[in-house]
Amino acid sequence: MANDVTKDPSGKSDIVEDIYLWRRKKLAFSILSVSTATWVLLNIYGFNSITIVSWTSMAIVSMVFLWGNLLRLLSKVEPELSGLEVSEEFVEETVRSCRKLMEEMVRWMFLVGAESEWFVFARTVFGFWVLSRIGNLLDFHTCLFIGLAISLTIPKLWERNGDRIQKQLANVKERSKGAYDATHEKILMMKNKLQREDKVKKGE
């Protein structure tokens, strides 16, 4: 029986990468199927994000409550909660990761804002505008489902057709740059013409 997972020559396998590149096809398909079914049911019954979080929290608290009380009744032993403690190293590592991520985001935003290429700036602003429109139209769990679906489809498509997509993007970028240069040149010509006319009028 052929294995579902593509072997890594180094002997290491990242399960997240295997999932979104569909190397573990059964696991990726199961995640996508369960997510789709959950999203459909949530939309059919009209639950919003706050309702989902509230019911999930109630279920967790109720199960922990029952587990603790049954443990006391049956064995008369207090529940062992030492495994739930968050280590200081984990907190420090999380804080460092969040700080690094925020610094990268701020640096990226200033880099795009000061970028000399207008195409990068226009593409970034357009992307944020699209996200804002999507946020107005969709609720939180729908956005999560779309994000999961994209993460399970786009990387695989990019792996197969990445070179072709890059060529198309480079072609579009080159055409857009040519159109921008031509428009900029026409504006400069009109500006120079108006300046010459003003000088002639002042000379008269």
Protein backbone atom coordinates (compact mmCIF):
# COMPACT_ATOMS: atom_id res chain seq x y z
CA MET A 1 0.00 0.00 0.00
CA ALA A 2 1.46 3.30 -1.06
CA ASN A 3 2.08 5.76 1.71
CA ASP A 4 0.05 8.95 1.68
CA VAL A 5 2.97 11.11 2.80
CA THR A 6 5.78 12.29 0.55
CA LYS A 7 9.06 11.33 2.18
CA ASP A 8 11.43 14.10 3.14
CA PRO A 9 15.03 13.19 2.23
CA SER A 10 16.26 14.78 5.47
CA GLY A 11 14.04 12.43 7.49
CA LYS A 12 12.03 15.29 8.95
CA SER A 13 8.38 16.00 8.17
CA ASP A 14 6.44 19.09 9.18
CA ILE A 15 2.83 18.05 9.64
CA VAL A 16 1.47 21.54 8.90
CA GLU A 17 3.40 21.72 5.63
CA ASP A 18 2.28 18.20 4.77
CA ILE A 19 -1.33 19.19 5.29
CA TYR A 20 -1.45 22.40 3.24
CA LEU A 21 0.63 20.83 0.44
CA TRP A 22 -1.70 17.78 0.49
CA ARG A 23 1.07 15.29 1.20
CA ARG A 24 -1.20 13.84 3.89
CA LYS A 25 -4.24 13.71 1.65
CA LYS A 26 -6.56 11.95 4.08
CA LEU A 27 -5.81 14.35 6.92
CA ALA A 28 -6.09 17.44 4.69
CA PHE A 29 -9.35 16.19 3.19
CA SER A 30 -10.73 15.41 6.66
CA ILE A 31 -9.90 18.90 7.93
CA LEU A 32 -11.48 20.53 4.87
CA SER A 33 -14.58 18.32 5.09
CA VAL A 34 -15.15 18.91 8.81
CA SER A 35 -14.59 22.65 8.39
CA THR A 36 -17.04 22.81 5.48
CA ALA A 37 -19.70 20.82 7.36
CA THR A 38 -19.24 23.00 10.46
CA TRP A 39 -19.49 26.21 8.44
CA VAL A 40 -22.66 24.98 6.65
CA LEU A 41 -24.31 23.99 9.94
CA LEU A 42 -23.39 27.30 11.61
CA ASN A 43 -24.91 29.24 8.71
CA ILE A 44 -28.04 27.06 8.62
CA TYR A 45 -28.70 27.57 12.34
CA GLY A 46 -27.63 31.23 12.24
CA PHE A 47 -24.97 31.17 14.96
CA ASN A 48 -22.62 34.14 15.13
CA SER A 49 -19.07 34.24 16.51
CA ILE A 50 -20.04 35.32 20.05
CA THR A 51 -22.60 32.50 20.25
CA ILE A 52 -20.02 29.95 19.14
CA VAL A 53 -17.42 31.14 21.66
CA SER A 54 -20.01 31.22 24.46
CA TRP A 55 -21.37 27.72 23.80
CA THR A 56 -17.86 26.29 23.41
CA SER A 57 -16.78 27.89 26.69
CA MET A 58 -19.88 26.58 28.46
CA ALA A 59 -19.22 23.06 27.14
CA ILE A 60 -15.58 23.13 28.28
CA VAL A 61 -16.43 24.50 31.74
CA SER A 62 -19.26 21.93 32.16
CA MET A 63 -17.01 19.00 31.18
CA VAL A 64 -14.24 20.15 33.51
CA PHE A 65 -16.80 20.60 36.32
CA LEU A 66 -18.21 17.08 35.83
CA TRP A 67 -14.73 15.58 35.54
CA GLY A 68 -13.55 17.23 38.76
CA ASN A 69 -16.62 16.21 40.74
CA LEU A 70 -16.60 12.62 39.48
CA LEU A 71 -12.92 12.36 40.33
CA ARG A 72 -13.59 13.54 43.89
CA LEU A 73 -16.57 11.17 44.34
CA LEU A 74 -14.89 8.07 42.94
CA SER A 75 -11.34 8.36 44.19
CA LYS A 76 -11.55 11.22 46.68
CA VAL A 77 -8.51 12.80 45.09
CA GLU A 78 -8.26 16.42 44.07
CA PRO A 79 -7.87 16.91 40.30
CA GLU A 80 -4.25 17.24 39.16
CA LEU A 81 -3.94 20.67 37.54
CA SER A 82 -0.17 21.08 37.57
CA GLY A 83 -0.06 20.20 33.85
CA LEU A 84 -2.17 23.26 33.08
CA GLU A 85 0.42 25.67 34.39
CA VAL A 86 2.05 27.93 31.80
CA SER A 87 5.81 27.98 32.13
CA GLU A 88 7.73 31.23 32.33
CA GLU A 89 9.86 30.15 29.36
CA PHE A 90 6.75 29.66 27.22
CA VAL A 91 5.43 33.12 28.14
CA GLU A 92 8.77 34.76 27.38
CA GLU A 93 9.05 32.95 24.04
CA THR A 94 5.48 33.94 23.13
CA VAL A 95 6.16 37.58 24.02
CA ARG A 96 9.37 37.55 21.96
CA SER A 97 7.54 36.03 18.99
CA CYS A 98 4.71 38.59 19.20
CA ARG A 99 7.20 41.45 19.50
CA LYS A 100 9.18 40.19 16.51
CA LEU A 101 5.98 39.83 14.48
CA MET A 102 4.82 43.36 15.36
CA GLU A 103 8.24 44.80 14.52
CA GLU A 104 8.20 43.02 11.15
CA MET A 105 4.68 44.32 10.42
CA VAL A 106 5.62 47.92 11.31
CA ARG A 107 8.84 47.68 9.30
CA TRP A 108 6.93 46.23 6.35
CA MET A 109 4.28 48.98 6.48
CA PHE A 110 6.90 51.75 6.50
CA LEU A 111 8.84 49.98 3.75
CA VAL A 112 5.76 49.79 1.53
CA GLY A 113 4.85 53.40 2.33
CA ALA A 114 8.32 54.59 1.36
CA GLU A 115 8.66 52.18 -1.58
CA SER A 116 9.70 53.84 -4.82
CA GLU A 117 7.76 51.34 -6.94
CA TRP A 118 4.16 52.49 -7.22
CA PHE A 119 3.02 48.97 -8.17
CA VAL A 120 3.92 47.58 -4.72
CA PHE A 121 2.17 50.47 -2.96
CA ALA A 122 -0.97 50.24 -5.13
CA ARG A 123 -1.16 46.47 -4.75
CA THR A 124 -0.86 46.70 -0.95
CA VAL A 125 -3.52 49.42 -0.61
CA PHE A 126 -5.84 47.52 -2.95
CA GLY A 127 -5.35 44.34 -0.93
CA PHE A 128 -6.25 46.08 2.34
CA TRP A 129 -9.28 47.66 0.67
CA VAL A 130 -10.48 44.26 -0.54
CA LEU A 131 -10.02 42.85 2.97
CA SER A 132 -12.06 45.71 4.44
CA ARG A 133 -14.90 45.05 1.98
CA ILE A 134 -14.80 41.35 2.75
CA GLY A 135 -14.91 42.12 6.48
CA ASN A 136 -18.05 44.20 5.98
CA LEU A 137 -19.79 41.43 4.06
CA LEU A 138 -18.78 38.34 6.06
CA ASP A 139 -18.88 37.29 9.69
CA PHE A 140 -15.92 35.98 11.68
CA HIS A 141 -16.43 32.23 11.30
CA THR A 142 -16.98 32.63 7.55
CA CYS A 143 -13.68 34.53 7.30
CA LEU A 144 -11.98 31.73 9.24
CA PHE A 145 -13.45 29.11 6.91
CA ILE A 146 -12.38 31.04 3.80
CA GLY A 147 -8.89 31.46 5.25
CA LEU A 148 -8.66 27.72 5.94
CA ALA A 149 -9.95 26.84 2.46
CA ILE A 150 -7.44 29.22 0.85
CA SER A 151 -4.58 27.82 2.95
CA LEU A 152 -5.48 24.30 1.78
CA THR A 153 -5.75 25.19 -1.93
CA ILE A 154 -3.46 28.11 -2.84
CA PRO A 155 -0.13 26.56 -1.65
CA LYS A 156 -0.76 23.39 -3.69
CA LEU A 157 -1.73 25.41 -6.76
CA TRP A 158 1.34 27.60 -6.30
CA GLU A 159 3.56 24.54 -5.98
CA ARG A 160 2.26 23.22 -9.30
CA ASN A 161 1.90 26.48 -11.26
CA GLY A 162 4.21 28.89 -9.41
CA ASP A 163 6.49 29.57 -12.39
CA ARG A 164 3.57 30.27 -14.71
CA ILE A 165 1.89 32.57 -12.19
CA GLN A 166 5.13 34.49 -11.61
CA LYS A 167 5.54 34.99 -15.37
CA GLN A 168 1.97 36.32 -15.63
CA LEU A 169 2.49 38.65 -12.66
CA ALA A 170 5.76 39.91 -14.12
CA ASN A 171 3.98 40.53 -17.44
CA VAL A 172 1.16 42.45 -15.75
CA LYS A 173 3.68 44.44 -13.72
CA GLU A 174 5.67 45.34 -16.82
CA ARG A 175 2.56 46.45 -18.71
CA SER A 176 1.32 48.48 -15.74
CA LYS A 177 4.73 50.11 -15.38
CA GLY A 178 4.74 50.97 -19.09
CA ALA A 179 1.26 52.50 -18.84
CA TYR A 180 2.30 54.48 -15.77
CA ASP A 181 5.47 55.77 -17.47
CA ALA A 182 3.49 56.81 -20.56
CA THR A 183 0.87 58.61 -18.45
CA HIS A 184 3.57 60.28 -16.36
CA GLU A 185 5.35 61.44 -19.52
CA LYS A 186 2.14 62.93 -20.93
CA ILE A 187 1.47 64.76 -17.67
CA LEU A 188 5.00 66.21 -17.71
CA MET A 189 4.57 67.31 -21.34
CA MET A 190 1.27 69.04 -20.50
CA LYS A 191 2.86 70.66 -17.46
CA ASN A 192 5.81 71.95 -19.52
CA LYS A 193 3.44 73.25 -22.20
CA LEU A 194 1.38 75.14 -19.63
CA GLN A 195 4.55 76.60 -18.10
CA ARG A 196 5.75 77.81 -21.52
CA GLU A 197 2.36 79.40 -22.23
CA ASP A 198 2.48 81.19 -18.89
CA LYS A 199 5.96 82.50 -19.65
CA VAL A 200 4.79 83.78 -23.06
CA LYS A 201 1.82 85.52 -21.49
CA LYS A 202 4.00 87.13 -18.84
CA GLY A 203 6.47 88.25 -21.51
CA GLU A 204 3.70 89.99 -23.44
